Amino acid sequence: KTKAGQRDLPLIGLAREVLHAIAGEAPAPGAFSDGLVFMSQGGH
């Protein structure tokens, strides 16, 4: 929404764990595209 909303936050432990669980093993740089992290079962 705003310029102030553009922010960088540390990837703390609990967040890292759940995102790793979605992504599988730690991805290599560039392994993912601009796709959304949270998708429906149909891929939308």
PDB file of all heavy atoms in Angstrom:
ATOM      1  N   LYS A   1       0.801  -1.219   0.000  1.00  0.00           N
ATOM      2  CA  LYS A   1       0.000   0.000   0.000  1.00  0.00           C
ATOM      3  C   LYS A   1       0.836   1.271   0.000  1.00  0.00           C
ATOM      4  O   LYS A   1       0.551   2.226  -0.712  1.00  0.00           O
ATOM      5  CB  LYS A   1      -0.929  -0.019   1.221  1.00  0.00           C
ATOM      6  CG  LYS A   1      -1.958   1.089   1.243  1.00  0.00           C
ATOM      7  CD  LYS A   1      -2.912   0.895   2.413  1.00  0.00           C
ATOM      8  CE  LYS A   1      -3.969   1.985   2.432  1.00  0.00           C
ATOM      9  NZ  LYS A   1      -4.912   1.810   3.573  1.00  0.00           N
ATOM     10  N   THR A   2       1.882   1.340   0.827  1.00  0.00           N
ATOM     11  CA  THR A   2       2.660   2.562   0.971  1.00  0.00           C
ATOM     12  C   THR A   2       4.146   2.252   0.883  1.00  0.00           C
ATOM     13  O   THR A   2       4.573   1.093   0.946  1.00  0.00           O
ATOM     14  CB  THR A   2       2.388   3.237   2.332  1.00  0.00           C
ATOM     15  OG1 THR A   2       2.803   2.349   3.389  1.00  0.00           O
ATOM     16  CG2 THR A   2       0.909   3.555   2.494  1.00  0.00           C
ATOM     17  N   LYS A   3       4.951   3.294   0.763  1.00  0.00           N
ATOM     18  CA  LYS A   3       6.401   3.130   0.744  1.00  0.00           C
ATOM     19  C   LYS A   3       6.890   2.583   2.071  1.00  0.00           C
ATOM     20  O   LYS A   3       7.827   1.767   2.119  1.00  0.00           O
ATOM     21  CB  LYS A   3       7.067   4.475   0.433  1.00  0.00           C
ATOM     22  CG  LYS A   3       8.577   4.381   0.297  1.00  0.00           C
ATOM     23  CD  LYS A   3       9.183   5.727  -0.070  1.00  0.00           C
ATOM     24  CE  LYS A   3      10.691   5.611  -0.203  1.00  0.00           C
ATOM     25  NZ  LYS A   3      11.307   6.926  -0.557  1.00  0.00           N
ATOM     26  N   ALA A   4       6.265   3.025   3.174  1.00  0.00           N
ATOM     27  CA  ALA A   4       6.653   2.511   4.493  1.00  0.00           C
ATOM     28  C   ALA A   4       6.349   1.028   4.615  1.00  0.00           C
ATOM     29  O   ALA A   4       7.000   0.311   5.390  1.00  0.00           O
ATOM     30  CB  ALA A   4       5.932   3.287   5.590  1.00  0.00           C
ATOM     31  N   GLY A   5       5.362   0.546   3.855  1.00  0.00           N
ATOM     32  CA  GLY A   5       5.029  -0.868   3.893  1.00  0.00           C
ATOM     33  C   GLY A   5       6.081  -1.738   3.231  1.00  0.00           C
ATOM     34  O   GLY A   5       6.112  -2.954   3.461  1.00  0.00           O
ATOM     35  N   GLN A   6       6.931  -1.145   2.399  1.00  0.00           N
ATOM     36  CA  GLN A   6       8.030  -1.890   1.789  1.00  0.00           C
ATOM     37  C   GLN A   6       9.151  -2.012   2.821  1.00  0.00           C
ATOM     38  O   GLN A   6       9.890  -1.063   3.049  1.00  0.00           O
ATOM     39  CB  GLN A   6       8.533  -1.178   0.537  1.00  0.00           C
ATOM     40  CG  GLN A   6       7.485  -0.999  -0.537  1.00  0.00           C
ATOM     41  CD  GLN A   6       8.021  -0.237  -1.738  1.00  0.00           C
ATOM     42  OE1 GLN A   6       9.209   0.032  -1.840  1.00  0.00           O
ATOM     43  NE2 GLN A   6       7.133   0.110  -2.652  1.00  0.00           N
ATOM     44  N   ARG A   7       9.262  -3.173   3.436  1.00  0.00           N
ATOM     45  CA  ARG A   7      10.202  -3.340   4.532  1.00  0.00           C
ATOM     46  C   ARG A   7      10.861  -4.701   4.476  1.00  0.00           C
ATOM     47  O   ARG A   7      10.332  -5.640   3.869  1.00  0.00           O
ATOM     48  CB  ARG A   7       9.484  -3.166   5.873  1.00  0.00           C
ATOM     49  CG  ARG A   7       8.297  -4.111   6.083  1.00  0.00           C
ATOM     50  CD  ARG A   7       7.346  -3.547   7.104  1.00  0.00           C
ATOM     51  NE  ARG A   7       6.285  -4.472   7.513  1.00  0.00           N
ATOM     52  CZ  ARG A   7       5.154  -4.650   6.844  1.00  0.00           C
ATOM     53  NH1 ARG A   7       4.951  -3.980   5.714  1.00  0.00           N
ATOM     54  NH2 ARG A   7       4.231  -5.488   7.291  1.00  0.00           N
ATOM     55  N   ASP A   8      12.011  -4.797   5.102  1.00  0.00           N
ATOM     56  CA  ASP A   8      12.767  -6.041   5.188  1.00  0.00           C
ATOM     57  C   ASP A   8      12.756  -6.499   6.637  1.00  0.00           C
ATOM     58  O   ASP A   8      13.096  -5.737   7.550  1.00  0.00           O
ATOM     59  CB  ASP A   8      14.207  -5.831   4.709  1.00  0.00           C
ATOM     60  CG  ASP A   8      14.267  -5.335   3.268  1.00  0.00           C
ATOM     61  OD1 ASP A   8      13.410  -5.753   2.479  1.00  0.00           O
ATOM     62  OD2 ASP A   8      15.164  -4.523   2.955  1.00  0.00           O
ATOM     63  N   LEU A   9      12.395  -7.760   6.839  1.00  0.00           N
ATOM     64  CA  LEU A   9      12.278  -8.309   8.184  1.00  0.00           C
ATOM     65  C   LEU A   9      13.179  -9.530   8.318  1.00  0.00           C
ATOM     66  O   LEU A   9      13.369 -10.274   7.343  1.00  0.00           O
ATOM     67  CB  LEU A   9      10.822  -8.707   8.466  1.00  0.00           C
ATOM     68  CG  LEU A   9       9.800  -7.570   8.382  1.00  0.00           C
ATOM     69  CD1 LEU A   9       8.383  -8.127   8.499  1.00  0.00           C
ATOM     70  CD2 LEU A   9      10.057  -6.531   9.457  1.00  0.00           C
ATOM     71  N   PRO A  10      13.725  -9.764   9.497  1.00  0.00           N
ATOM     72  CA  PRO A  10      14.582 -10.946   9.684  1.00  0.00           C
ATOM     73  C   PRO A  10      13.769 -12.229   9.626  1.00  0.00           C
ATOM     74  O   PRO A  10      12.640 -12.295  10.114  1.00  0.00           O
ATOM     75  CB  PRO A  10      15.185 -10.717  11.077  1.00  0.00           C
ATOM     76  CG  PRO A  10      14.221  -9.816  11.773  1.00  0.00           C
ATOM     77  CD  PRO A  10      13.640  -8.932  10.720  1.00  0.00           C
ATOM     78  N   LEU A  11      14.364 -13.245   9.031  1.00  0.00           N
ATOM     79  CA  LEU A  11      13.718 -14.550   8.938  1.00  0.00           C
ATOM     80  C   LEU A  11      14.039 -15.319  10.219  1.00  0.00           C
ATOM     81  O   LEU A  11      15.054 -16.014  10.314  1.00  0.00           O
ATOM     82  CB  LEU A  11      14.222 -15.304   7.706  1.00  0.00           C
ATOM     83  CG  LEU A  11      13.566 -16.658   7.406  1.00  0.00           C
ATOM     84  CD1 LEU A  11      12.067 -16.494   7.188  1.00  0.00           C
ATOM     85  CD2 LEU A  11      14.214 -17.288   6.179  1.00  0.00           C
ATOM     86  N   ILE A  12      13.173 -15.169  11.225  1.00  0.00           N
ATOM     87  CA  ILE A  12      13.426 -15.791  12.524  1.00  0.00           C
ATOM     88  C   ILE A  12      13.133 -17.283  12.474  1.00  0.00           C
ATOM     89  O   ILE A  12      12.535 -17.787  11.526  1.00  0.00           O
ATOM     90  CB  ILE A  12      12.598 -15.101  13.628  1.00  0.00           C
ATOM     91  CG1 ILE A  12      11.114 -15.107  13.273  1.00  0.00           C
ATOM     92  CG2 ILE A  12      13.082 -13.679  13.855  1.00  0.00           C
ATOM     93  CD1 ILE A  12      10.248 -14.425  14.299  1.00  0.00           C
ATOM     94  N   GLY A  13      13.556 -17.993  13.507  1.00  0.00           N
ATOM     95  CA  GLY A  13      13.565 -19.449  13.508  1.00  0.00           C
ATOM     96  C   GLY A  13      12.251 -20.112  13.152  1.00  0.00           C
ATOM     97  O   GLY A  13      12.193 -20.976  12.264  1.00  0.00           O
ATOM     98  N   LEU A  14      11.172 -19.756  13.842  1.00  0.00           N
ATOM     99  CA  LEU A  14       9.887 -20.401  13.577  1.00  0.00           C
ATOM    100  C   LEU A  14       9.425 -20.168  12.140  1.00  0.00           C
ATOM    101  O   LEU A  14       8.900 -21.082  11.490  1.00  0.00           O
ATOM    102  CB  LEU A  14       8.829 -19.873  14.562  1.00  0.00           C
ATOM    103  CG  LEU A  14       8.967 -20.308  16.016  1.00  0.00           C
ATOM    104  CD1 LEU A  14       7.911 -19.620  16.876  1.00  0.00           C
ATOM    105  CD2 LEU A  14       8.831 -21.823  16.133  1.00  0.00           C
ATOM    106  N   ALA A  15       9.632 -18.945  11.645  1.00  0.00           N
ATOM    107  CA  ALA A  15       9.233 -18.649  10.270  1.00  0.00           C
ATOM    108  C   ALA A  15      10.082 -19.436   9.281  1.00  0.00           C
ATOM    109  O   ALA A  15       9.575 -19.955   8.273  1.00  0.00           O
ATOM    110  CB  ALA A  15       9.354 -17.147  10.006  1.00  0.00           C
ATOM    111  N   ARG A  16      11.376 -19.543   9.540  1.00  0.00           N
ATOM    112  CA  ARG A  16      12.259 -20.306   8.657  1.00  0.00           C
ATOM    113  C   ARG A  16      11.828 -21.774   8.582  1.00  0.00           C
ATOM    114  O   ARG A  16      11.809 -22.387   7.515  1.00  0.00           O
ATOM    115  CB  ARG A  16      13.702 -20.198   9.135  1.00  0.00           C
ATOM    116  CG  ARG A  16      14.702 -20.979   8.294  1.00  0.00           C
ATOM    117  CD  ARG A  16      16.078 -20.914   8.914  1.00  0.00           C
ATOM    118  NE  ARG A  16      16.664 -19.590   8.767  1.00  0.00           N
ATOM    119  CZ  ARG A  16      17.394 -19.219   7.722  1.00  0.00           C
ATOM    120  NH1 ARG A  16      17.609 -20.078   6.712  1.00  0.00           N
ATOM    121  NH2 ARG A  16      17.913 -18.003   7.669  1.00  0.00           N
ATOM    122  N   GLU A  17      11.453 -22.339   9.734  1.00  0.00           N
ATOM    123  CA  GLU A  17      11.063 -23.752   9.779  1.00  0.00           C
ATOM    124  C   GLU A  17       9.832 -24.024   8.924  1.00  0.00           C
ATOM    125  O   GLU A  17       9.806 -24.973   8.135  1.00  0.00           O
ATOM    126  CB  GLU A  17      10.806 -24.170  11.225  1.00  0.00           C
ATOM    127  CG  GLU A  17      12.052 -24.246  12.089  1.00  0.00           C
ATOM    128  CD  GLU A  17      11.717 -24.618  13.517  1.00  0.00           C
ATOM    129  OE1 GLU A  17      10.532 -24.964  13.779  1.00  0.00           O
ATOM    130  OE2 GLU A  17      12.611 -24.550  14.373  1.00  0.00           O
ATOM    131  N   VAL A  18       8.800 -23.187   9.081  1.00  0.00           N
ATOM    132  CA  VAL A  18       7.563 -23.464   8.342  1.00  0.00           C
ATOM    133  C   VAL A  18       7.750 -23.206   6.849  1.00  0.00           C
ATOM    134  O   VAL A  18       7.172 -23.911   6.011  1.00  0.00           O
ATOM    135  CB  VAL A  18       6.389 -22.631   8.902  1.00  0.00           C
ATOM    136  CG1 VAL A  18       6.082 -23.016  10.335  1.00  0.00           C
ATOM    137  CG2 VAL A  18       6.648 -21.136   8.794  1.00  0.00           C
ATOM    138  N   LEU A  19       8.559 -22.198   6.486  1.00  0.00           N
ATOM    139  CA  LEU A  19       8.790 -21.939   5.067  1.00  0.00           C
ATOM    140  C   LEU A  19       9.646 -23.035   4.448  1.00  0.00           C
ATOM    141  O   LEU A  19       9.447 -23.418   3.284  1.00  0.00           O
ATOM    142  CB  LEU A  19       9.437 -20.560   4.888  1.00  0.00           C
ATOM    143  CG  LEU A  19       8.537 -19.365   5.212  1.00  0.00           C
ATOM    144  CD1 LEU A  19       9.303 -18.055   5.085  1.00  0.00           C
ATOM    145  CD2 LEU A  19       7.308 -19.341   4.309  1.00  0.00           C
ATOM    146  N   HIS A  20      10.619 -23.567   5.213  1.00  0.00           N
ATOM    147  CA  HIS A  20      11.403 -24.701   4.724  1.00  0.00           C
ATOM    148  C   HIS A  20      10.514 -25.918   4.515  1.00  0.00           C
ATOM    149  O   HIS A  20      10.690 -26.685   3.560  1.00  0.00           O
ATOM    150  CB  HIS A  20      12.513 -25.044   5.717  1.00  0.00           C
ATOM    151  CG  HIS A  20      13.821 -24.397   5.391  1.00  0.00           C
ATOM    152  ND1 HIS A  20      14.402 -24.497   4.143  1.00  0.00           N
ATOM    153  CD2 HIS A  20      14.680 -23.648   6.145  1.00  0.00           C
ATOM    154  CE1 HIS A  20      15.554 -23.838   4.135  1.00  0.00           C
ATOM    155  NE2 HIS A  20      15.735 -23.305   5.350  1.00  0.00           N
ATOM    156  N   ALA A  21       9.540 -26.079   5.414  1.00  0.00           N
ATOM    157  CA  ALA A  21       8.643 -27.224   5.288  1.00  0.00           C
ATOM    158  C   ALA A  21       7.823 -27.143   4.007  1.00  0.00           C
ATOM    159  O   ALA A  21       7.523 -28.169   3.375  1.00  0.00           O
ATOM    160  CB  ALA A  21       7.721 -27.290   6.493  1.00  0.00           C
ATOM    161  N   ILE A  22       7.459 -25.915   3.597  1.00  0.00           N
ATOM    162  CA  ILE A  22       6.710 -25.738   2.350  1.00  0.00           C
ATOM    163  C   ILE A  22       7.626 -25.954   1.156  1.00  0.00           C
ATOM    164  O   ILE A  22       7.270 -26.623   0.175  1.00  0.00           O
ATOM    165  CB  ILE A  22       6.083 -24.333   2.288  1.00  0.00           C
ATOM    166  CG1 ILE A  22       5.106 -24.127   3.443  1.00  0.00           C
ATOM    167  CG2 ILE A  22       5.365 -24.117   0.959  1.00  0.00           C
ATOM    168  CD1 ILE A  22       4.549 -22.727   3.515  1.00  0.00           C
ATOM    169  N   ALA A  23       8.824 -25.410   1.232  1.00  0.00           N
ATOM    170  CA  ALA A  23       9.738 -25.439   0.091  1.00  0.00           C
ATOM    171  C   ALA A  23      10.508 -26.740  -0.017  1.00  0.00           C
ATOM    172  O   ALA A  23      11.160 -26.989  -1.030  1.00  0.00           O
ATOM    173  CB  ALA A  23      10.720 -24.268   0.195  1.00  0.00           C
ATOM    174  N   GLY A  24      10.444 -27.569   1.017  1.00  0.00           N
ATOM    175  CA  GLY A  24      11.261 -28.764   1.018  1.00  0.00           C
ATOM    176  C   GLY A  24      12.642 -28.421   1.514  1.00  0.00           C
ATOM    177  O   GLY A  24      12.808 -27.661   2.467  1.00  0.00           O
ATOM    178  N   GLU A  25      13.662 -28.906   0.890  1.00  0.00           N
ATOM    179  CA  GLU A  25      15.027 -28.578   1.283  1.00  0.00           C
ATOM    180  C   GLU A  25      15.322 -27.129   0.918  1.00  0.00           C
ATOM    181  O   GLU A  25      14.685 -26.527   0.066  1.00  0.00           O
ATOM    182  CB  GLU A  25      16.007 -29.508   0.574  1.00  0.00           C
ATOM    183  CG  GLU A  25      15.836 -30.971   0.967  1.00  0.00           C
ATOM    184  CD  GLU A  25      16.849 -31.843   0.287  1.00  0.00           C
ATOM    185  OE1 GLU A  25      17.633 -31.308  -0.522  1.00  0.00           O
ATOM    186  OE2 GLU A  25      16.841 -33.047   0.550  1.00  0.00           O
ATOM    187  N   ALA A  26      16.323 -26.569   1.577  1.00  0.00           N
ATOM    188  CA  ALA A  26      16.693 -25.174   1.325  1.00  0.00           C
ATOM    189  C   ALA A  26      16.966 -24.971  -0.156  1.00  0.00           C
ATOM    190  O   ALA A  26      17.813 -25.652  -0.732  1.00  0.00           O
ATOM    191  CB  ALA A  26      17.935 -24.808   2.140  1.00  0.00           C
ATOM    192  N   PRO A  27      16.264 -24.078  -0.807  1.00  0.00           N
ATOM    193  CA  PRO A  27      16.406 -23.919  -2.257  1.00  0.00           C
ATOM    194  C   PRO A  27      17.697 -23.218  -2.636  1.00  0.00           C
ATOM    195  O   PRO A  27      18.228 -22.412  -1.882  1.00  0.00           O
ATOM    196  CB  PRO A  27      15.191 -23.056  -2.625  1.00  0.00           C
ATOM    197  CG  PRO A  27      14.934 -22.263  -1.383  1.00  0.00           C
ATOM    198  CD  PRO A  27      15.295 -23.160  -0.239  1.00  0.00           C
ATOM    199  N   ALA A  28      18.171 -23.553  -3.779  1.00  0.00           N
ATOM    200  CA  ALA A  28      19.329 -22.849  -4.317  1.00  0.00           C
ATOM    201  C   ALA A  28      18.874 -21.501  -4.852  1.00  0.00           C
ATOM    202  O   ALA A  28      17.704 -21.306  -5.172  1.00  0.00           O
ATOM    203  CB  ALA A  28      19.950 -23.687  -5.439  1.00  0.00           C
ATOM    204  N   PRO A  29      19.794 -20.544  -4.928  1.00  0.00           N
ATOM    205  CA  PRO A  29      19.410 -19.218  -5.441  1.00  0.00           C
ATOM    206  C   PRO A  29      18.780 -19.333  -6.827  1.00  0.00           C
ATOM    207  O   PRO A  29      19.285 -20.017  -7.713  1.00  0.00           O
ATOM    208  CB  PRO A  29      20.745 -18.460  -5.482  1.00  0.00           C
ATOM    209  CG  PRO A  29      21.603 -19.161  -4.461  1.00  0.00           C
ATOM    210  CD  PRO A  29      21.198 -20.601  -4.510  1.00  0.00           C
ATOM    211  N   GLY A  30      17.677 -18.699  -6.991  1.00  0.00           N
ATOM    212  CA  GLY A  30      16.988 -18.696  -8.276  1.00  0.00           C
ATOM    213  C   GLY A  30      16.151 -19.919  -8.539  1.00  0.00           C
ATOM    214  O   GLY A  30      15.616 -20.095  -9.637  1.00  0.00           O
ATOM    215  N   ALA A  31      16.026 -20.787  -7.520  1.00  0.00           N
ATOM    216  CA  ALA A  31      15.260 -22.012  -7.747  1.00  0.00           C
ATOM    217  C   ALA A  31      13.776 -21.732  -7.876  1.00  0.00           C
ATOM    218  O   ALA A  31      13.046 -22.487  -8.497  1.00  0.00           O
ATOM    219  CB  ALA A  31      15.512 -22.999  -6.612  1.00  0.00           C
ATOM    220  N   PHE A  32      13.311 -20.645  -7.222  1.00  0.00           N
ATOM    221  CA  PHE A  32      11.891 -20.313  -7.274  1.00  0.00           C
ATOM    222  C   PHE A  32      11.683 -19.082  -8.137  1.00  0.00           C
ATOM    223  O   PHE A  32      12.508 -18.176  -8.194  1.00  0.00           O
ATOM    224  CB  PHE A  32      11.351 -20.048  -5.869  1.00  0.00           C
ATOM    225  CG  PHE A  32      11.276 -21.291  -5.028  1.00  0.00           C
ATOM    226  CD1 PHE A  32      12.217 -21.528  -4.051  1.00  0.00           C
ATOM    227  CD2 PHE A  32      10.275 -22.220  -5.237  1.00  0.00           C
ATOM    228  CE1 PHE A  32      12.148 -22.666  -3.281  1.00  0.00           C
ATOM    229  CE2 PHE A  32      10.207 -23.365  -4.473  1.00  0.00           C
ATOM    230  CZ  PHE A  32      11.146 -23.593  -3.486  1.00  0.00           C
ATOM    231  N   SER A  33      10.542 -19.030  -8.777  1.00  0.00           N
ATOM    232  CA  SER A  33      10.184 -17.872  -9.585  1.00  0.00           C
ATOM    233  C   SER A  33       9.456 -16.868  -8.711  1.00  0.00           C
ATOM    234  O   SER A  33       9.538 -16.915  -7.491  1.00  0.00           O
ATOM    235  CB  SER A  33       9.288 -18.308 -10.747  1.00  0.00           C
ATOM    236  OG  SER A  33       8.068 -18.811 -10.252  1.00  0.00           O
ATOM    237  N   ASP A  34       8.723 -15.986  -9.355  1.00  0.00           N
ATOM    238  CA  ASP A  34       7.945 -15.008  -8.608  1.00  0.00           C
ATOM    239  C   ASP A  34       6.629 -15.591  -8.116  1.00  0.00           C
ATOM    240  O   ASP A  34       5.722 -14.857  -7.739  1.00  0.00           O
ATOM    241  CB  ASP A  34       7.646 -13.785  -9.481  1.00  0.00           C
ATOM    242  CG  ASP A  34       8.882 -12.944  -9.691  1.00  0.00           C
ATOM    243  OD1 ASP A  34       9.896 -13.240  -9.044  1.00  0.00           O
ATOM    244  OD2 ASP A  34       8.830 -12.013 -10.504  1.00  0.00           O
ATOM    245  N   GLY A  35       6.494 -16.904  -8.104  1.00  0.00           N
ATOM    246  CA  GLY A  35       5.272 -17.537  -7.659  1.00  0.00           C
ATOM    247  C   GLY A  35       4.999 -17.266  -6.196  1.00  0.00           C
ATOM    248  O   GLY A  35       5.909 -17.022  -5.400  1.00  0.00           O
ATOM    249  N   LEU A  36       3.720 -17.328  -5.811  1.00  0.00           N
ATOM    250  CA  LEU A  36       3.318 -17.061  -4.439  1.00  0.00           C
ATOM    251  C   LEU A  36       3.688 -18.230  -3.539  1.00  0.00           C
ATOM    252  O   LEU A  36       3.678 -19.397  -3.947  1.00  0.00           O
ATOM    253  CB  LEU A  36       1.807 -16.818  -4.390  1.00  0.00           C
ATOM    254  CG  LEU A  36       1.290 -15.611  -5.185  1.00  0.00           C
ATOM    255  CD1 LEU A  36      -0.227 -15.582  -5.166  1.00  0.00           C
ATOM    256  CD2 LEU A  36       1.853 -14.312  -4.615  1.00  0.00           C
ATOM    257  N   VAL A  37       3.983 -17.917  -2.290  1.00  0.00           N
ATOM    258  CA  VAL A  37       4.319 -18.944  -1.314  1.00  0.00           C
ATOM    259  C   VAL A  37       3.079 -19.758  -0.955  1.00  0.00           C
ATOM    260  O   VAL A  37       3.122 -20.989  -0.879  1.00  0.00           O
ATOM    261  CB  VAL A  37       4.940 -18.310  -0.051  1.00  0.00           C
ATOM    262  CG1 VAL A  37       5.143 -19.364   1.041  1.00  0.00           C
ATOM    263  CG2 VAL A  37       6.264 -17.638  -0.393  1.00  0.00           C
ATOM    264  N   PHE A  38       1.963 -19.057  -0.737  1.00  0.00           N
ATOM    265  CA  PHE A  38       0.737 -19.733  -0.310  1.00  0.00           C
ATOM    266  C   PHE A  38      -0.229 -19.812  -1.491  1.00  0.00           C
ATOM    267  O   PHE A  38      -0.707 -18.786  -1.989  1.00  0.00           O
ATOM    268  CB  PHE A  38       0.102 -18.977   0.863  1.00  0.00           C
ATOM    269  CG  PHE A  38       1.026 -18.832   2.041  1.00  0.00           C
ATOM    270  CD1 PHE A  38       1.594 -17.599   2.346  1.00  0.00           C
ATOM    271  CD2 PHE A  38       1.351 -19.928   2.812  1.00  0.00           C
ATOM    272  CE1 PHE A  38       2.446 -17.465   3.420  1.00  0.00           C
ATOM    273  CE2 PHE A  38       2.216 -19.804   3.887  1.00  0.00           C
ATOM    274  CZ  PHE A  38       2.762 -18.574   4.201  1.00  0.00           C
ATOM    275  N   MET A  39      -0.470 -21.034  -1.913  1.00  0.00           N
ATOM    276  CA  MET A  39      -1.327 -21.279  -3.065  1.00  0.00           C
ATOM    277  C   MET A  39      -2.435 -22.254  -2.676  1.00  0.00           C
ATOM    278  O   MET A  39      -2.326 -22.999  -1.698  1.00  0.00           O
ATOM    279  CB  MET A  39      -0.514 -21.880  -4.220  1.00  0.00           C
ATOM    280  CG  MET A  39       0.696 -21.057  -4.635  1.00  0.00           C
ATOM    281  SD  MET A  39       0.272 -19.612  -5.608  1.00  0.00           S
ATOM    282  CE  MET A  39      -0.154 -20.383  -7.166  1.00  0.00           C
ATOM    283  N   SER A  40      -3.493 -22.235  -3.443  1.00  0.00           N
ATOM    284  CA  SER A  40      -4.573 -23.196  -3.235  1.00  0.00           C
ATOM    285  C   SER A  40      -4.149 -24.563  -3.773  1.00  0.00           C
ATOM    286  O   SER A  40      -3.126 -24.693  -4.453  1.00  0.00           O
ATOM    287  CB  SER A  40      -5.846 -22.721  -3.936  1.00  0.00           C
ATOM    288  OG  SER A  40      -5.668 -22.737  -5.340  1.00  0.00           O
ATOM    289  N   GLN A  41      -4.927 -25.579  -3.481  1.00  0.00           N
ATOM    290  CA  GLN A  41      -4.600 -26.913  -3.963  1.00  0.00           C
ATOM    291  C   GLN A  41      -4.617 -26.993  -5.478  1.00  0.00           C
ATOM    292  O   GLN A  41      -3.931 -27.824  -6.073  1.00  0.00           O
ATOM    293  CB  GLN A  41      -5.593 -27.928  -3.382  1.00  0.00           C
ATOM    294  CG  GLN A  41      -5.482 -28.088  -1.867  1.00  0.00           C
ATOM    295  CD  GLN A  41      -6.464 -29.111  -1.324  1.00  0.00           C
ATOM    296  OE1 GLN A  41      -7.328 -29.597  -2.046  1.00  0.00           O
ATOM    297  NE2 GLN A  41      -6.316 -29.441  -0.042  1.00  0.00           N
ATOM    298  N   GLY A  42      -5.372 -26.094  -6.090  1.00  0.00           N
ATOM    299  CA  GLY A  42      -5.410 -26.067  -7.548  1.00  0.00           C
ATOM    300  C   GLY A  42      -4.301 -25.254  -8.160  1.00  0.00           C
ATOM    301  O   GLY A  42      -4.268 -25.083  -9.389  1.00  0.00           O
ATOM    302  N   GLY A  43      -3.405 -24.706  -7.322  1.00  0.00           N
ATOM    303  CA  GLY A  43      -2.291 -23.925  -7.833  1.00  0.00           C
ATOM    304  C   GLY A  43      -2.629 -22.484  -8.121  1.00  0.00           C
ATOM    305  O   GLY A  43      -1.938 -21.812  -8.894  1.00  0.00           O
ATOM    306  N   HIS A  44      -3.693 -21.993  -7.511  1.00  0.00           N
ATOM    307  CA  HIS A  44      -4.097 -20.604  -7.719  1.00  0.00           C
ATOM    308  C   HIS A  44      -3.861 -19.788  -6.449  1.00  0.00           C
ATOM    309  O   HIS A  44      -3.640 -20.343  -5.364  1.00  0.00           O
ATOM    310  CB  HIS A  44      -5.574 -20.536  -8.113  1.00  0.00           C
ATOM    311  CG  HIS A  44      -5.918 -21.331  -9.325  1.00  0.00           C
ATOM    312  ND1 HIS A  44      -5.500 -20.986 -10.591  1.00  0.00           N
ATOM    313  CD2 HIS A  44      -6.631 -22.485  -9.469  1.00  0.00           C
ATOM    314  CE1 HIS A  44      -5.947 -21.870 -11.471  1.00  0.00           C
ATOM    315  NE2 HIS A  44      -6.636 -22.792 -10.803  1.00  0.00           N
TER     316      HIS A  44
END
